[in-house]
Amino acid sequence: MFRKAWLSPSRRSGKGILRGRTVPRRRPAPDFQEGVVGSQRHPRLILRVRICADWFGRKSVNQHSFFLTRKVKIMKKINKKKKFLVIVATHGDEAFSLPIVKKIKKKFPNEFDYIIGNPKALKENKRFIDVDLNRIAPGKKKSLLYEEKRAGEIIQKSKDYSFVLDIHGTVSSSDIFTIVTNPTPQNLFFAYSLPIRKIVIWGSKNNGRNTGPLSRFVDSGVGIECGPKDSTKTTKELEKILNNVLSQKNKILNSEKELYQVFGSVEKDELSERIKLKDFKEVNLNRQLFFPLLINQYKEEGIICYKLRKVDFYQKFSFPY
């Protein structure tokens, strides 16, 4: 029941310590060593630690500094991430959003950063120089193709941000909708948090080249498609949306959101019968019901529009009982 008092090594030879006196048995207090752990790359980053010699076998602070410094670096990296990166003019013929974003930047100077996706193509007012920038991500930094190299630079830069918004424009009268190219839970939540009613899931799993849109390869990002891009109504609506996003105002309830999924396209030779197509308005073509999307946007590539089906989350994840 009794034993000699436990004294830490740093106190065993101290003055005024009574030795040999029996005291009631109790759990010994561990021997603590205090030290400073820092990083050569970040000399101002200092972490004071108290390491229990009882747990670590009385090893010195330096022997554990690698793990502690690594943890601090990770936390520092997470805390350093900025919130929003906005990409404009991914295609050189989509300059409509640049003046809007510049105007918003003056109002919210510290809330987000923006970059011009394809500055060369923008200068020449062309969709792209070598290849489509929004089809070649994640890109290659040393590529000889301008857009492929640029895609690698943008993906690298996006790692400094928590969220990425990639703004696009179309000739279709589609209004403004969100595109989720990488339908992870995080990206779906991000899309639902935006003040945009229509959300389109446009993922791809049959691409053998493993390339695709920029928003597919960032940590968390979605695209915003605006149409028609040269309409005053569209630019005003985009400005309103960006204002609401940065001031954290989402006036659209989740129950009012409309979720769609791309499942195919309508080729030129399929449109044998005369039928009027309208974005997001259900039609019956060749005995198939679908919602058209981006009508005539890719007409030069032989695509009249893409096909959408509506997704009901409640019905999809519910069962009768």
Protein backbone atom coordinates (compact mmCIF):
# COMPACT_ATOMS: atom_id res chain seq x y z
CA MET A 1 0.00 0.00 0.00
CA PHE A 2 2.90 2.31 0.51
CA ARG A 3 6.03 3.06 -1.43
CA LYS A 4 8.72 5.70 -1.63
CA ALA A 5 7.66 9.00 -3.18
CA TRP A 6 8.23 9.18 -6.94
CA LEU A 7 10.34 12.14 -7.92
CA SER A 8 11.07 13.28 -11.47
CA PRO A 9 14.76 13.23 -12.54
CA SER A 10 14.81 17.00 -12.75
CA ARG A 11 13.71 17.29 -9.11
CA ARG A 12 15.46 14.37 -7.42
CA SER A 13 18.49 16.43 -6.45
CA GLY A 14 16.59 19.62 -5.70
CA LYS A 15 16.90 21.37 -2.37
CA GLY A 16 14.21 20.87 0.20
CA ILE A 17 13.12 17.48 -1.22
CA LEU A 18 12.45 14.91 1.50
CA ARG A 19 13.66 11.48 0.51
CA GLY A 20 12.76 8.07 1.84
CA ARG A 21 9.43 9.15 3.30
CA THR A 22 6.62 6.71 2.64
CA VAL A 23 3.46 8.09 1.11
CA PRO A 24 0.18 6.50 -0.02
CA ARG A 25 0.55 4.72 -3.38
CA ARG A 26 -0.66 6.87 -6.24
CA ARG A 27 -0.14 6.96 -9.97
CA PRO A 28 3.15 8.74 -10.63
CA ALA A 29 3.01 11.99 -12.49
CA PRO A 30 4.85 11.53 -15.82
CA ASP A 31 8.12 13.25 -16.41
CA PHE A 32 7.60 16.18 -18.79
CA GLN A 33 10.18 17.76 -21.01
CA GLU A 34 9.48 21.08 -22.62
CA GLY A 35 10.93 22.10 -25.93
CA VAL A 36 10.46 24.24 -29.00
CA VAL A 37 9.71 22.74 -32.38
CA GLY A 38 10.08 24.93 -35.46
CA SER A 39 10.56 24.63 -39.17
CA GLN A 40 13.56 25.81 -41.16
CA ARG A 41 11.23 26.87 -43.96
CA HIS A 42 8.98 28.70 -41.50
CA PRO A 43 11.27 30.00 -38.73
CA ARG A 44 8.50 32.13 -37.24
CA LEU A 45 6.27 29.09 -36.81
CA ILE A 46 6.98 27.90 -33.25
CA LEU A 47 5.20 25.17 -31.36
CA ARG A 48 5.84 24.61 -27.66
CA VAL A 49 5.37 20.98 -26.70
CA ARG A 50 5.46 19.06 -23.47
CA ILE A 51 6.49 15.49 -24.15
CA CYS A 52 5.85 12.85 -21.54
CA ALA A 53 8.98 10.77 -21.01
CA ASP A 54 6.82 8.03 -19.52
CA TRP A 55 5.03 7.58 -22.90
CA PHE A 56 7.96 8.19 -25.25
CA GLY A 57 10.63 6.33 -23.28
CA ARG A 58 12.30 9.53 -22.09
CA LYS A 59 13.35 10.47 -25.63
CA SER A 60 14.31 14.01 -26.42
CA VAL A 61 12.04 16.55 -28.07
CA ASN A 62 14.16 16.53 -31.23
CA GLN A 63 13.44 12.85 -31.88
CA HIS A 64 9.71 13.66 -32.20
CA SER A 65 10.01 17.04 -33.87
CA PHE A 66 9.63 15.55 -37.38
CA PHE A 67 6.10 14.31 -36.68
CA LEU A 68 5.06 17.45 -34.82
CA THR A 69 6.50 19.77 -37.48
CA ARG A 70 4.77 17.75 -40.21
CA LYS A 71 1.42 18.11 -38.45
CA VAL A 72 1.93 21.85 -38.00
CA LYS A 73 2.80 22.25 -41.70
CA ILE A 74 -0.38 20.43 -42.74
CA MET A 75 -2.55 22.58 -40.46
CA LYS A 76 -0.77 25.71 -41.62
CA LYS A 77 -1.41 24.73 -45.27
CA ILE A 78 -5.13 24.16 -44.61
CA ASN A 79 -5.49 27.49 -42.81
CA LYS A 80 -3.65 29.33 -45.57
CA LYS A 81 -6.13 28.30 -48.29
CA LYS A 82 -8.10 31.17 -49.75
CA LYS A 83 -11.82 30.73 -50.27
CA PHE A 84 -12.78 31.37 -53.90
CA LEU A 85 -11.02 31.29 -57.24
CA VAL A 86 -13.11 32.43 -60.21
CA ILE A 87 -12.00 31.43 -63.71
CA VAL A 88 -13.22 33.58 -66.60
CA ALA A 89 -12.70 33.25 -70.37
CA THR A 90 -11.73 29.58 -70.33
CA HIS A 91 -12.69 29.95 -73.97
CA GLY A 92 -11.47 33.06 -75.78
CA ASP A 93 -14.92 33.83 -77.22
CA GLU A 94 -16.50 34.03 -73.75
CA ALA A 95 -15.25 37.44 -72.63
CA PHE A 96 -18.69 38.58 -71.41
CA SER A 97 -18.01 37.64 -67.76
CA LEU A 98 -14.69 39.48 -67.39
CA PRO A 99 -16.12 43.04 -66.89
CA ILE A 100 -18.66 41.66 -64.39
CA VAL A 101 -16.00 39.88 -62.33
CA LYS A 102 -13.76 42.97 -62.36
CA LYS A 103 -16.68 45.04 -61.06
CA ILE A 104 -17.45 42.50 -58.32
CA LYS A 105 -13.76 42.40 -57.35
CA LYS A 106 -13.87 46.11 -56.52
CA LYS A 107 -16.82 45.48 -54.22
CA PHE A 108 -15.32 42.37 -52.56
CA PRO A 109 -11.54 42.90 -52.88
CA ASN A 110 -10.57 40.30 -50.28
CA GLU A 111 -13.26 37.69 -50.81
CA PHE A 112 -11.98 36.04 -53.99
CA ASP A 113 -9.36 36.02 -56.73
CA TYR A 114 -9.90 35.60 -60.44
CA ILE A 115 -7.81 34.53 -63.40
CA ILE A 116 -8.30 34.63 -67.16
CA GLY A 117 -8.33 31.01 -68.26
CA ASN A 118 -7.17 31.48 -71.84
CA PRO A 119 -5.57 34.94 -72.25
CA LYS A 120 -4.09 34.20 -75.70
CA ALA A 121 -7.38 33.04 -77.18
CA LEU A 122 -9.17 35.96 -75.49
CA LYS A 123 -6.81 38.40 -77.17
CA GLU A 124 -7.53 36.83 -80.57
CA ASN A 125 -11.25 36.37 -79.83
CA LYS A 126 -10.97 32.65 -80.66
CA ARG A 127 -12.38 29.71 -78.74
CA PHE A 128 -8.88 28.23 -78.35
CA ILE A 129 -5.38 28.34 -79.88
CA ASP A 130 -4.34 24.66 -80.12
CA VAL A 131 -6.91 22.55 -78.26
CA ASP A 132 -10.03 23.16 -76.15
CA LEU A 133 -8.82 24.21 -72.69
CA ASN A 134 -11.94 22.76 -71.07
CA ARG A 135 -11.29 19.30 -72.55
CA ILE A 136 -7.58 18.92 -71.86
CA ALA A 137 -7.32 19.18 -68.04
CA PRO A 138 -5.44 18.28 -65.87
CA GLY A 139 -2.92 19.35 -68.50
CA LYS A 140 0.88 19.14 -68.65
CA LYS A 141 3.16 21.96 -67.55
CA LYS A 142 5.82 21.15 -70.15
CA SER A 143 3.46 20.54 -73.07
CA LEU A 144 4.05 22.26 -76.40
CA LEU A 145 0.28 22.76 -76.76
CA TYR A 146 -0.65 26.12 -75.27
CA GLU A 147 -3.96 25.06 -73.69
CA GLU A 148 -2.56 21.82 -72.28
CA LYS A 149 0.25 23.73 -70.61
CA ARG A 150 -2.19 26.39 -69.39
CA ALA A 151 -4.50 23.73 -67.91
CA GLY A 152 -1.62 22.40 -65.79
CA GLU A 153 -0.88 25.91 -64.50
CA ILE A 154 -4.53 26.54 -63.59
CA ILE A 155 -4.94 23.20 -61.79
CA GLN A 156 -1.77 23.92 -59.78
CA LYS A 157 -2.99 27.39 -58.84
CA SER A 158 -6.41 26.07 -57.81
CA LYS A 159 -4.80 24.05 -54.99
CA ASP A 160 -4.44 27.29 -53.01
CA TYR A 161 -8.24 27.71 -52.89
CA SER A 162 -11.10 25.92 -51.17
CA PHE A 163 -13.61 26.44 -54.01
CA VAL A 164 -13.38 27.12 -57.74
CA LEU A 165 -16.05 28.67 -59.97
CA ASP A 166 -15.49 28.29 -63.72
CA ILE A 167 -17.75 30.68 -65.66
CA HIS A 168 -18.79 29.85 -69.22
CA GLY A 169 -21.07 31.35 -71.86
CA THR A 170 -23.24 29.76 -74.55
CA VAL A 171 -25.29 30.89 -77.54
CA SER A 172 -28.21 28.78 -76.27
CA SER A 173 -31.12 30.37 -74.43
CA SER A 174 -30.48 28.21 -71.39
CA ASP A 175 -30.43 30.94 -68.73
CA ILE A 176 -27.87 30.30 -65.97
CA PHE A 177 -27.31 26.84 -64.52
CA THR A 178 -24.62 25.01 -62.53
CA ILE A 179 -22.60 22.16 -64.04
CA VAL A 180 -21.12 19.48 -61.77
CA THR A 181 -18.47 17.61 -63.78
CA ASN A 182 -17.16 15.64 -60.79
CA PRO A 183 -20.25 14.59 -58.79
CA THR A 184 -18.64 14.05 -55.40
CA PRO A 185 -20.73 14.80 -52.27
CA GLN A 186 -18.58 17.91 -51.66
CA ASN A 187 -19.21 19.28 -55.17
CA LEU A 188 -22.94 18.51 -54.98
CA PHE A 189 -23.17 20.35 -51.65
CA PHE A 190 -21.24 23.24 -53.19
CA ALA A 191 -23.67 23.36 -56.14
CA TYR A 192 -26.66 23.30 -53.80
CA SER A 193 -25.20 26.18 -51.79
CA LEU A 194 -25.15 28.48 -54.84
CA PRO A 195 -28.14 30.75 -55.59
CA ILE A 196 -28.81 28.98 -58.91
CA ARG A 197 -31.97 26.96 -59.38
CA LYS A 198 -30.90 24.43 -62.05
CA ILE A 199 -28.05 21.96 -61.45
CA VAL A 200 -26.75 19.66 -64.20
CA ILE A 201 -24.61 16.62 -63.38
CA TRP A 202 -22.27 16.08 -66.34
CA GLY A 203 -19.78 13.44 -65.30
CA SER A 204 -17.90 11.14 -67.66
CA LYS A 205 -16.56 7.65 -66.94
CA ASN A 206 -15.84 6.44 -70.48
CA ASN A 207 -12.99 8.81 -71.32
CA GLY A 208 -9.93 6.63 -71.96
CA ARG A 209 -7.66 9.68 -72.13
CA ASN A 210 -8.48 10.69 -68.55
CA THR A 211 -8.83 14.31 -69.58
CA GLY A 212 -11.78 16.67 -69.29
CA PRO A 213 -13.06 19.99 -67.91
CA LEU A 214 -11.02 22.07 -65.46
CA SER A 215 -13.70 21.80 -62.76
CA ARG A 216 -13.37 18.02 -62.79
CA PHE A 217 -9.76 18.12 -61.56
CA VAL A 218 -9.82 20.83 -58.87
CA ASP A 219 -10.33 19.91 -55.21
CA SER A 220 -13.82 21.36 -55.11
CA GLY A 221 -15.26 23.20 -58.10
CA VAL A 222 -18.24 23.60 -60.40
CA GLY A 223 -18.97 25.37 -63.66
CA ILE A 224 -21.54 28.11 -64.23
CA GLU A 225 -23.02 28.15 -67.72
CA CYS A 226 -24.68 31.39 -68.87
CA GLY A 227 -26.88 31.75 -71.93
CA PRO A 228 -27.29 33.52 -74.15
CA LYS A 229 -23.90 34.99 -73.26
CA ASP A 230 -24.35 38.31 -75.09
CA SER A 231 -27.72 39.07 -73.48
CA THR A 232 -28.01 42.01 -71.08
CA LYS A 233 -30.43 39.96 -69.00
CA THR A 234 -27.81 37.18 -68.63
CA THR A 235 -25.02 39.55 -67.54
CA LYS A 236 -27.28 41.22 -64.96
CA GLU A 237 -28.34 37.84 -63.60
CA LEU A 238 -24.72 36.66 -63.37
CA GLU A 239 -23.74 39.82 -61.48
CA LYS A 240 -26.62 39.27 -59.05
CA ILE A 241 -25.60 35.64 -58.50
CA LEU A 242 -21.95 36.50 -57.81
CA ASN A 243 -23.00 39.24 -55.41
CA ASN A 244 -25.20 36.77 -53.52
CA VAL A 245 -22.47 34.13 -53.45
CA LEU A 246 -19.85 36.48 -51.98
CA SER A 247 -22.28 38.03 -49.50
CA GLN A 248 -23.43 34.50 -48.59
CA LYS A 249 -27.05 35.02 -49.57
CA ASN A 250 -28.80 32.01 -51.06
CA LYS A 251 -32.45 32.88 -51.52
CA ILE A 252 -33.32 29.61 -53.27
CA LEU A 253 -34.45 26.79 -51.00
CA ASN A 254 -33.06 23.32 -51.62
CA SER A 255 -36.61 22.09 -52.22
CA GLU A 256 -36.84 24.53 -55.16
CA LYS A 257 -33.67 23.25 -56.85
CA GLU A 258 -33.96 21.26 -60.07
CA LEU A 259 -31.43 18.48 -60.57
CA TYR A 260 -30.68 17.01 -64.02
CA GLN A 261 -28.26 14.48 -65.45
CA VAL A 262 -26.77 14.36 -68.96
CA PHE A 263 -27.23 10.91 -70.53
CA GLY A 264 -26.73 11.43 -74.27
CA SER A 265 -26.89 13.80 -77.24
CA VAL A 266 -28.96 14.42 -80.37
CA GLU A 267 -26.93 14.16 -83.57
CA LYS A 268 -27.78 16.03 -86.78
CA ASP A 269 -29.08 12.96 -88.60
CA GLU A 270 -31.38 12.06 -85.68
CA LEU A 271 -33.48 15.20 -86.10
CA SER A 272 -35.57 13.84 -88.98
CA GLU A 273 -38.89 15.29 -87.87
CA ARG A 274 -39.62 18.98 -87.43
CA ILE A 275 -39.72 19.71 -83.76
CA LYS A 276 -39.12 22.86 -81.78
CA LEU A 277 -36.46 22.43 -79.11
CA LYS A 278 -36.07 24.61 -76.04
CA ASP A 279 -33.54 24.26 -73.24
CA PHE A 280 -34.93 22.48 -70.17
CA LYS A 281 -38.34 21.97 -71.82
CA GLU A 282 -39.28 18.30 -72.10
CA VAL A 283 -39.76 16.89 -75.62
CA ASN A 284 -40.53 13.53 -77.19
CA LEU A 285 -38.13 12.74 -80.01
CA ASN A 286 -38.01 9.31 -81.66
CA ARG A 287 -40.20 7.95 -78.84
CA GLN A 288 -37.81 9.15 -76.17
CA LEU A 289 -38.59 11.76 -73.54
CA PHE A 290 -35.78 14.11 -72.50
CA PHE A 291 -34.93 17.72 -71.68
CA PRO A 292 -32.72 19.44 -74.31
CA LEU A 293 -29.58 21.28 -73.22
CA LEU A 294 -27.25 23.70 -75.04
CA ILE A 295 -29.20 23.73 -78.29
CA ASN A 296 -26.98 24.61 -81.31
CA GLN A 297 -23.94 25.30 -79.10
CA TYR A 298 -22.02 22.42 -80.72
CA LYS A 299 -23.74 22.45 -84.11
CA GLU A 300 -20.40 22.58 -85.95
CA GLU A 301 -19.44 19.32 -84.25
CA GLY A 302 -22.65 17.67 -85.46
CA ILE A 303 -24.47 17.85 -82.12
CA ILE A 304 -27.89 19.53 -82.03
CA CYS A 305 -28.22 19.35 -78.23
CA TYR A 306 -27.55 17.18 -75.21
CA LYS A 307 -30.19 15.05 -73.50
CA LEU A 308 -31.11 15.48 -69.85
CA ARG A 309 -33.15 13.41 -67.47
CA LYS A 310 -34.55 14.86 -64.27
CA VAL A 311 -33.22 13.39 -61.02
CA ASP A 312 -35.44 13.10 -57.95
CA PHE A 313 -33.20 12.56 -54.93
CA TYR A 314 -36.03 11.47 -52.68
CA GLN A 315 -37.28 8.88 -55.17
CA LYS A 316 -33.77 7.70 -56.04
CA PHE A 317 -32.78 6.94 -52.45
CA SER A 318 -36.14 5.81 -51.08
CA PHE A 319 -37.81 2.39 -51.03
CA PRO A 320 -41.40 1.24 -50.38
CA TYR A 321 -42.13 -0.14 -46.92
